[in-house]
């Protein structure tokens, strides 16, 4: 399941980007990745098991990671000065 982001999703995303930015000089990129993964694990564990199976939760995570990766790839490709 891919969750199509709406306007409110973008606001939340930008808040998270700002939060990460405030801490970028305190931890490495690898540590930040580990922190984010830990948070995803906690969010996954808090899902209502009556409405989502573990497989559905993992599917949501995987598909939305893929979408995020593609969004960044597209941004880099379309950035000014890129070949």
PDB file of N, CA and C in Angstrom:
ATOM      1  N   UNK A   1       0.846  -1.172   0.000  1.00  0.00           N
ATOM      2  CA  UNK A   1       0.000   0.000   0.000  1.00  0.00           C
ATOM      3  C   UNK A   1       0.897   1.243   0.000  1.00  0.00           C
ATOM      4  N   UNK A   2       0.689   2.105  -0.973  1.00  0.00           N
ATOM      5  CA  UNK A   2       1.403   3.367  -1.027  1.00  0.00           C
ATOM      6  C   UNK A   2       0.434   4.450  -0.573  1.00  0.00           C
ATOM      7  N   UNK A   3       0.850   5.206   0.389  1.00  0.00           N
ATOM      8  CA  UNK A   3       0.023   6.291   0.895  1.00  0.00           C
ATOM      9  C   UNK A   3       0.376   7.538   0.087  1.00  0.00           C
ATOM     10  N   UNK A   4      -0.586   8.016  -0.695  1.00  0.00           N
ATOM     11  CA  UNK A   4      -0.355   9.226  -1.490  1.00  0.00           C
ATOM     12  C   UNK A   4      -0.320  10.419  -0.548  1.00  0.00           C
ATOM     13  N   UNK A   5       0.779  11.154  -0.549  1.00  0.00           N
ATOM     14  CA  UNK A   5       0.879  12.276   0.387  1.00  0.00           C
ATOM     15  C   UNK A   5      -0.035  13.427   0.000  1.00  0.00           C
ATOM     16  N   UNK A   6      -0.692  13.974   0.991  1.00  0.00           N
ATOM     17  CA  UNK A   6      -1.517  15.163   0.810  1.00  0.00           C
ATOM     18  C   UNK A   6      -0.781  16.361   1.380  1.00  0.00           C
ATOM     19  N   UNK A   7      -1.442  17.490   1.408  1.00  0.00           N
ATOM     20  CA  UNK A   7      -0.823  18.718   1.904  1.00  0.00           C
ATOM     21  C   UNK A   7      -0.354  18.582   3.348  1.00  0.00           C
ATOM     22  N   UNK A   8      -1.176  17.965   4.191  1.00  0.00           N
ATOM     23  CA  UNK A   8      -0.796  17.808   5.601  1.00  0.00           C
ATOM     24  C   UNK A   8       0.411  16.882   5.745  1.00  0.00           C
ATOM     25  N   UNK A   9       0.519  15.885   4.889  1.00  0.00           N
ATOM     26  CA  UNK A   9       1.687  15.001   4.918  1.00  0.00           C
ATOM     27  C   UNK A   9       2.952  15.790   4.624  1.00  0.00           C
ATOM     28  N   UNK A  10       2.875  16.700   3.660  1.00  0.00           N
ATOM     29  CA  UNK A  10       4.042  17.514   3.304  1.00  0.00           C
ATOM     30  C   UNK A  10       4.455  18.418   4.469  1.00  0.00           C
ATOM     31  N   UNK A  11       3.480  18.969   5.173  1.00  0.00           N
ATOM     32  CA  UNK A  11       3.779  19.810   6.336  1.00  0.00           C
ATOM     33  C   UNK A  11       4.521  18.991   7.392  1.00  0.00           C
ATOM     34  N   UNK A  12       4.032  17.789   7.666  1.00  0.00           N
ATOM     35  CA  UNK A  12       4.682  16.914   8.652  1.00  0.00           C
ATOM     36  C   UNK A  12       6.073  16.542   8.180  1.00  0.00           C
ATOM     37  N   UNK A  13       6.205  16.185   6.897  1.00  0.00           N
ATOM     38  CA  UNK A  13       7.512  15.837   6.341  1.00  0.00           C
ATOM     39  C   UNK A  13       8.499  16.996   6.506  1.00  0.00           C
ATOM     40  N   UNK A  14       8.072  18.208   6.185  1.00  0.00           N
ATOM     41  CA  UNK A  14       8.963  19.365   6.297  1.00  0.00           C
ATOM     42  C   UNK A  14       9.351  19.619   7.761  1.00  0.00           C
ATOM     43  N   UNK A  15       8.433  19.391   8.680  1.00  0.00           N
ATOM     44  CA  UNK A  15       8.763  19.504  10.111  1.00  0.00           C
ATOM     45  C   UNK A  15       9.841  18.492  10.495  1.00  0.00           C
ATOM     46  N   UNK A  16       9.701  17.260   9.993  1.00  0.00           N
ATOM     47  CA  UNK A  16      10.701  16.230  10.292  1.00  0.00           C
ATOM     48  C   UNK A  16      12.058  16.568   9.673  1.00  0.00           C
ATOM     49  N   UNK A  17      12.040  17.100   8.453  1.00  0.00           N
ATOM     50  CA  UNK A  17      13.287  17.512   7.806  1.00  0.00           C
ATOM     51  C   UNK A  17      13.977  18.596   8.636  1.00  0.00           C
ATOM     52  N   UNK A  18      13.204  19.559   9.124  1.00  0.00           N
ATOM     53  CA  UNK A  18      13.764  20.624   9.955  1.00  0.00           C
ATOM     54  C   UNK A  18      14.342  20.061  11.253  1.00  0.00           C
ATOM     55  N   UNK A  19      13.648  19.115  11.854  1.00  0.00           N
ATOM     56  CA  UNK A  19      14.130  18.490  13.087  1.00  0.00           C
ATOM     57  C   UNK A  19      15.450  17.764  12.844  1.00  0.00           C
ATOM     58  N   UNK A  20      15.492  16.978  11.785  1.00  0.00           N
ATOM     59  CA  UNK A  20      16.723  16.256  11.444  1.00  0.00           C
ATOM     60  C   UNK A  20      17.854  17.257  11.190  1.00  0.00           C
ATOM     61  N   UNK A  21      17.536  18.331  10.482  1.00  0.00           N
ATOM     62  CA  UNK A  21      18.532  19.351  10.180  1.00  0.00           C
ATOM     63  C   UNK A  21      19.135  19.976  11.428  1.00  0.00           C
ATOM     64  N   UNK A  22      18.346  20.138  12.469  1.00  0.00           N
ATOM     65  CA  UNK A  22      18.856  20.721  13.718  1.00  0.00           C
ATOM     66  C   UNK A  22      19.857  19.801  14.412  1.00  0.00           C
ATOM     67  N   UNK A  23      19.836  18.516  14.085  1.00  0.00           N
ATOM     68  CA  UNK A  23      20.709  17.548  14.766  1.00  0.00           C
ATOM     69  C   UNK A  23      21.794  16.980  13.862  1.00  0.00           C
ATOM     70  N   UNK A  24      21.853  17.432  12.613  1.00  0.00           N
ATOM     71  CA  UNK A  24      22.761  16.824  11.632  1.00  0.00           C
ATOM     72  C   UNK A  24      24.234  16.945  12.004  1.00  0.00           C
ATOM     73  N   UNK A  25      24.604  17.951  12.780  1.00  0.00           N
ATOM     74  CA  UNK A  25      26.005  18.114  13.166  1.00  0.00           C
ATOM     75  C   UNK A  25      26.360  17.338  14.435  1.00  0.00           C
ATOM     76  N   UNK A  26      25.360  16.729  15.053  1.00  0.00           N
ATOM     77  CA  UNK A  26      25.578  16.010  16.313  1.00  0.00           C
ATOM     78  C   UNK A  26      25.732  14.510  16.126  1.00  0.00           C
ATOM     79  N   UNK A  27      25.168  13.992  15.043  1.00  0.00           N
ATOM     80  CA  UNK A  27      25.249  12.555  14.767  1.00  0.00           C
ATOM     81  C   UNK A  27      25.585  12.350  13.292  1.00  0.00           C
ATOM     82  N   UNK A  28      26.157  11.206  12.991  1.00  0.00           N
ATOM     83  CA  UNK A  28      26.500  10.887  11.601  1.00  0.00           C
ATOM     84  C   UNK A  28      25.247  10.508  10.820  1.00  0.00           C
ATOM     85  N   UNK A  29      25.392  10.449   9.510  1.00  0.00           N
ATOM     86  CA  UNK A  29      24.282  10.029   8.652  1.00  0.00           C
ATOM     87  C   UNK A  29      23.854   8.601   8.993  1.00  0.00           C
ATOM     88  N   UNK A  30      24.806   7.755   9.323  1.00  0.00           N
ATOM     89  CA  UNK A  30      24.489   6.372   9.689  1.00  0.00           C
ATOM     90  C   UNK A  30      23.711   6.334  11.001  1.00  0.00           C
ATOM     91  N   UNK A  31      24.123   7.144  11.958  1.00  0.00           N
ATOM     92  CA  UNK A  31      23.388   7.199  13.226  1.00  0.00           C
ATOM     93  C   UNK A  31      21.973   7.733  13.010  1.00  0.00           C
ATOM     94  N   UNK A  32      21.838   8.747  12.140  1.00  0.00           N
ATOM     95  CA  UNK A  32      20.511   9.296  11.855  1.00  0.00           C
ATOM     96  C   UNK A  32      19.629   8.233  11.209  1.00  0.00           C
ATOM     97  N   UNK A  33      20.211   7.452  10.304  1.00  0.00           N
ATOM     98  CA  UNK A  33      19.467   6.360   9.672  1.00  0.00           C
ATOM     99  C   UNK A  33      19.010   5.349  10.724  1.00  0.00           C
ATOM    100  N   UNK A  34      19.895   5.015  11.656  1.00  0.00           N
ATOM    101  CA  UNK A  34      19.549   4.064  12.712  1.00  0.00           C
ATOM    102  C   UNK A  34      18.433   4.617  13.603  1.00  0.00           C
ATOM    103  N   UNK A  35      18.495   5.903  13.921  1.00  0.00           N
ATOM    104  CA  UNK A  35      17.456   6.532  14.743  1.00  0.00           C
ATOM    105  C   UNK A  35      16.114   6.492  14.013  1.00  0.00           C
ATOM    106  N   UNK A  36      16.130   6.828  12.726  1.00  0.00           N
ATOM    107  CA  UNK A  36      14.890   6.811  11.937  1.00  0.00           C
ATOM    108  C   UNK A  36      14.331   5.395  11.842  1.00  0.00           C
ATOM    109  N   UNK A  37      15.205   4.409  11.636  1.00  0.00           N
ATOM    110  CA  UNK A  37      14.759   3.020  11.551  1.00  0.00           C
ATOM    111  C   UNK A  37      14.150   2.565  12.877  1.00  0.00           C
ATOM    112  N   UNK A  38      14.753   2.984  13.978  1.00  0.00           N
ATOM    113  CA  UNK A  38      14.220   2.654  15.296  1.00  0.00           C
ATOM    114  C   UNK A  38      12.826   3.236  15.463  1.00  0.00           C
ATOM    115  N   UNK A  39      12.653   4.470  15.017  1.00  0.00           N
ATOM    116  CA  UNK A  39      11.340   5.110  15.109  1.00  0.00           C
ATOM    117  C   UNK A  39      10.319   4.374  14.251  1.00  0.00           C
ATOM    118  N   UNK A  40      10.720   3.975  13.043  1.00  0.00           N
ATOM    119  CA  UNK A  40       9.820   3.220  12.167  1.00  0.00           C
ATOM    120  C   UNK A  40       9.417   1.910  12.846  1.00  0.00           C
ATOM    121  N   UNK A  41      10.377   1.249  13.477  1.00  0.00           N
ATOM    122  CA  UNK A  41      10.066   0.011  14.194  1.00  0.00           C
ATOM    123  C   UNK A  41       9.035   0.228  15.294  1.00  0.00           C
ATOM    124  N   UNK A  42       9.188   1.327  16.010  1.00  0.00           N
ATOM    125  CA  UNK A  42       8.234   1.630  17.083  1.00  0.00           C
ATOM    126  C   UNK A  42       6.859   1.966  16.518  1.00  0.00           C
ATOM    127  N   UNK A  43       6.835   2.752  15.432  1.00  0.00           N
ATOM    128  CA  UNK A  43       5.555   3.076  14.793  1.00  0.00           C
ATOM    129  C   UNK A  43       4.878   1.814  14.269  1.00  0.00           C
ATOM    130  N   UNK A  44       5.665   0.906  13.714  1.00  0.00           N
ATOM    131  CA  UNK A  44       5.114  -0.359  13.208  1.00  0.00           C
ATOM    132  C   UNK A  44       4.498  -1.161  14.348  1.00  0.00           C
ATOM    133  N   UNK A  45       5.177  -1.200  15.480  1.00  0.00           N
ATOM    134  CA  UNK A  45       4.690  -1.973  16.619  1.00  0.00           C
ATOM    135  C   UNK A  45       3.405  -1.397  17.209  1.00  0.00           C
ATOM    136  N   UNK A  46       3.178  -0.101  17.003  1.00  0.00           N
ATOM    137  CA  UNK A  46       1.992   0.542  17.566  1.00  0.00           C
ATOM    138  C   UNK A  46       0.755   0.437  16.679  1.00  0.00           C
ATOM    139  N   UNK A  47       0.870  -0.204  15.522  1.00  0.00           N
ATOM    140  CA  UNK A  47      -0.286  -0.328  14.626  1.00  0.00           C
ATOM    141  C   UNK A  47      -1.322  -1.276  15.220  1.00  0.00           C
ATOM    142  N   UNK A  48      -2.551  -1.019  14.875  1.00  0.00           N
ATOM    143  CA  UNK A  48      -3.665  -1.835  15.368  1.00  0.00           C
ATOM    144  C   UNK A  48      -3.643  -3.184  14.652  1.00  0.00           C
ATOM    145  N   UNK A  49      -3.318  -4.237  15.375  1.00  0.00           N
ATOM    146  CA  UNK A  49      -3.211  -5.568  14.794  1.00  0.00           C
ATOM    147  C   UNK A  49      -4.567  -6.123  14.363  1.00  0.00           C
ATOM    148  N   UNK A  50      -5.635  -5.450  14.737  1.00  0.00           N
ATOM    149  CA  UNK A  50      -6.967  -5.876  14.288  1.00  0.00           C
ATOM    150  C   UNK A  50      -7.250  -5.401  12.866  1.00  0.00           C
ATOM    151  N   UNK A  51      -6.532  -4.362  12.416  1.00  0.00           N
ATOM    152  CA  UNK A  51      -6.789  -3.805  11.085  1.00  0.00           C
ATOM    153  C   UNK A  51      -5.632  -4.002  10.118  1.00  0.00           C
ATOM    154  N   UNK A  52      -4.436  -4.239  10.630  1.00  0.00           N
ATOM    155  CA  UNK A  52      -3.262  -4.463   9.782  1.00  0.00           C
ATOM    156  C   UNK A  52      -2.491  -5.681  10.258  1.00  0.00           C
ATOM    157  N   UNK A  53      -2.127  -6.525   9.320  1.00  0.00           N
ATOM    158  CA  UNK A  53      -1.254  -7.653   9.661  1.00  0.00           C
ATOM    159  C   UNK A  53       0.194  -7.163   9.654  1.00  0.00           C
ATOM    160  N   UNK A  54       1.069  -7.950  10.225  1.00  0.00           N
ATOM    161  CA  UNK A  54       2.498  -7.618  10.201  1.00  0.00           C
ATOM    162  C   UNK A  54       2.987  -7.503   8.761  1.00  0.00           C
ATOM    163  N   UNK A  55       2.488  -8.368   7.891  1.00  0.00           N
ATOM    164  CA  UNK A  55       2.886  -8.329   6.477  1.00  0.00           C
ATOM    165  C   UNK A  55       2.439  -7.024   5.821  1.00  0.00           C
ATOM    166  N   UNK A  56       1.246  -6.555   6.150  1.00  0.00           N
ATOM    167  CA  UNK A  56       0.761  -5.296   5.587  1.00  0.00           C
ATOM    168  C   UNK A  56       1.605  -4.119   6.077  1.00  0.00           C
ATOM    169  N   UNK A  57       1.978  -4.137   7.338  1.00  0.00           N
ATOM    170  CA  UNK A  57       2.818  -3.077   7.892  1.00  0.00           C
ATOM    171  C   UNK A  57       4.156  -3.040   7.158  1.00  0.00           C
ATOM    172  N   UNK A  58       4.788  -4.202   7.003  1.00  0.00           N
ATOM    173  CA  UNK A  58       6.072  -4.269   6.294  1.00  0.00           C
ATOM    174  C   UNK A  58       5.909  -3.823   4.849  1.00  0.00           C
ATOM    175  N   UNK A  59       4.816  -4.199   4.212  1.00  0.00           N
ATOM    176  CA  UNK A  59       4.547  -3.784   2.835  1.00  0.00           C
ATOM    177  C   UNK A  59       4.448  -2.263   2.735  1.00  0.00           C
ATOM    178  N   UNK A  60       3.743  -1.643   3.663  1.00  0.00           N
ATOM    179  CA  UNK A  60       3.636  -0.180   3.686  1.00  0.00           C
ATOM    180  C   UNK A  60       5.016   0.443   3.826  1.00  0.00           C
ATOM    181  N   UNK A  61       5.817  -0.077   4.737  1.00  0.00           N
ATOM    182  CA  UNK A  61       7.151   0.472   4.967  1.00  0.00           C
ATOM    183  C   UNK A  61       8.007   0.337   3.711  1.00  0.00           C
ATOM    184  N   UNK A  62       8.062  -0.848   3.150  1.00  0.00           N
ATOM    185  CA  UNK A  62       8.907  -1.095   1.973  1.00  0.00           C
ATOM    186  C   UNK A  62       8.473  -0.234   0.792  1.00  0.00           C
ATOM    187  N   UNK A  63       7.199  -0.228   0.490  1.00  0.00           N
ATOM    188  CA  UNK A  63       6.725   0.523  -0.682  1.00  0.00           C
ATOM    189  C   UNK A  63       6.946   2.017  -0.524  1.00  0.00           C
ATOM    190  N   UNK A  64       6.750   2.531   0.686  1.00  0.00           N
ATOM    191  CA  UNK A  64       6.930   3.963   0.884  1.00  0.00           C
ATOM    192  C   UNK A  64       8.407   4.357   0.960  1.00  0.00           C
ATOM    193  N   UNK A  65       9.280   3.451   1.371  1.00  0.00           N
ATOM    194  CA  UNK A  65      10.728   3.691   1.258  1.00  0.00           C
ATOM    195  C   UNK A  65      11.096   3.789  -0.215  1.00  0.00           C
ATOM    196  N   UNK A  66      10.568   2.878  -1.024  1.00  0.00           N
ATOM    197  CA  UNK A  66      10.846   2.912  -2.466  1.00  0.00           C
ATOM    198  C   UNK A  66      10.376   4.217  -3.089  1.00  0.00           C
ATOM    199  N   UNK A  67       9.185   4.679  -2.707  1.00  0.00           N
ATOM    200  CA  UNK A  67       8.670   5.943  -3.234  1.00  0.00           C
ATOM    201  C   UNK A  67       9.582   7.099  -2.811  1.00  0.00           C
ATOM    202  N   UNK A  68       9.984   7.115  -1.564  1.00  0.00           N
ATOM    203  CA  UNK A  68      10.887   8.164  -1.079  1.00  0.00           C
ATOM    204  C   UNK A  68      12.212   8.151  -1.812  1.00  0.00           C
ATOM    205  N   UNK A  69      12.756   6.963  -2.031  1.00  0.00           N
ATOM    206  CA  UNK A  69      14.008   6.855  -2.795  1.00  0.00           C
ATOM    207  C   UNK A  69      13.836   7.426  -4.188  1.00  0.00           C
ATOM    208  N   UNK A  70      12.739   7.075  -4.849  1.00  0.00           N
ATOM    209  CA  UNK A  70      12.504   7.564  -6.212  1.00  0.00           C
ATOM    210  C   UNK A  70      12.319   9.075  -6.232  1.00  0.00           C
ATOM    211  N   UNK A  71      11.660   9.620  -5.218  1.00  0.00           N
ATOM    212  CA  UNK A  71      11.477  11.071  -5.159  1.00  0.00           C
ATOM    213  C   UNK A  71      12.820  11.789  -5.080  1.00  0.00           C
ATOM    214  N   UNK A  72      13.739  11.268  -4.278  1.00  0.00           N
ATOM    215  CA  UNK A  72      15.059  11.886  -4.158  1.00  0.00           C
ATOM    216  C   UNK A  72      15.836  11.734  -5.457  1.00  0.00           C
ATOM    217  N   UNK A  73      15.778  10.568  -6.064  1.00  0.00           N
ATOM    218  CA  UNK A  73      16.459  10.349  -7.348  1.00  0.00           C
ATOM    219  C   UNK A  73      15.938  11.346  -8.379  1.00  0.00           C
ATOM    220  N   UNK A  74      14.629  11.524  -8.446  1.00  0.00           N
ATOM    221  CA  UNK A  74      14.037  12.472  -9.385  1.00  0.00           C
ATOM    222  C   UNK A  74      14.474  13.902  -9.087  1.00  0.00           C
ATOM    223  N   UNK A  75      14.549  14.270  -7.805  1.00  0.00           N
ATOM    224  CA  UNK A  75      14.982  15.618  -7.442  1.00  0.00           C
ATOM    225  C   UNK A  75      16.419  15.859  -7.877  1.00  0.00           C
ATOM    226  N   UNK A  76      17.280  14.876  -7.671  1.00  0.00           N
ATOM    227  CA  UNK A  76      18.687  15.017  -8.055  1.00  0.00           C
ATOM    228  C   UNK A  76      18.816  15.110  -9.567  1.00  0.00           C
ATOM    229  N   UNK A  77      18.074  14.270 -10.281  1.00  0.00           N
ATOM    230  CA  UNK A  77      18.113  14.305 -11.744  1.00  0.00           C
ATOM    231  C   UNK A  77      17.658  15.643 -12.290  1.00  0.00           C
ATOM    232  N   UNK A  78      16.681  16.251 -11.646  1.00  0.00           N
ATOM    233  CA  UNK A  78      16.095  17.493 -12.141  1.00  0.00           C
ATOM    234  C   UNK A  78      16.720  18.742 -11.527  1.00  0.00           C
ATOM    235  N   UNK A  79      17.739  18.549 -10.696  1.00  0.00           N
ATOM    236  CA  UNK A  79      18.386  19.708 -10.057  1.00  0.00           C
ATOM    237  C   UNK A  79      19.156  20.519 -11.083  1.00  0.00           C
ATOM    238  N   UNK A  80      19.180  21.817 -10.892  1.00  0.00           N
ATOM    239  CA  UNK A  80      19.944  22.685 -11.793  1.00  0.00           C
ATOM    240  C   UNK A  80      21.396  22.271 -11.752  1.00  0.00           C
ATOM    241  N   UNK A  81      21.993  22.264 -12.912  1.00  0.00           N
ATOM    242  CA  UNK A  81      23.418  21.928 -13.004  1.00  0.00           C
ATOM    243  C   UNK A  81      23.693  20.454 -13.134  1.00  0.00           C
ATOM    244  N   UNK A  82      22.641  19.621 -13.089  1.00  0.00           N
ATOM    245  CA  UNK A  82      22.887  18.180 -13.251  1.00  0.00           C
ATOM    246  C   UNK A  82      22.953  17.847 -14.732  1.00  0.00           C
ATOM    247  N   UNK A  83      23.722  16.849 -15.032  1.00  0.00           N
ATOM    248  CA  UNK A  83      23.902  16.470 -16.429  1.00  0.00           C
ATOM    249  C   UNK A  83      22.822  15.528 -16.880  1.00  0.00           C
TER     250      UNK A  83
END
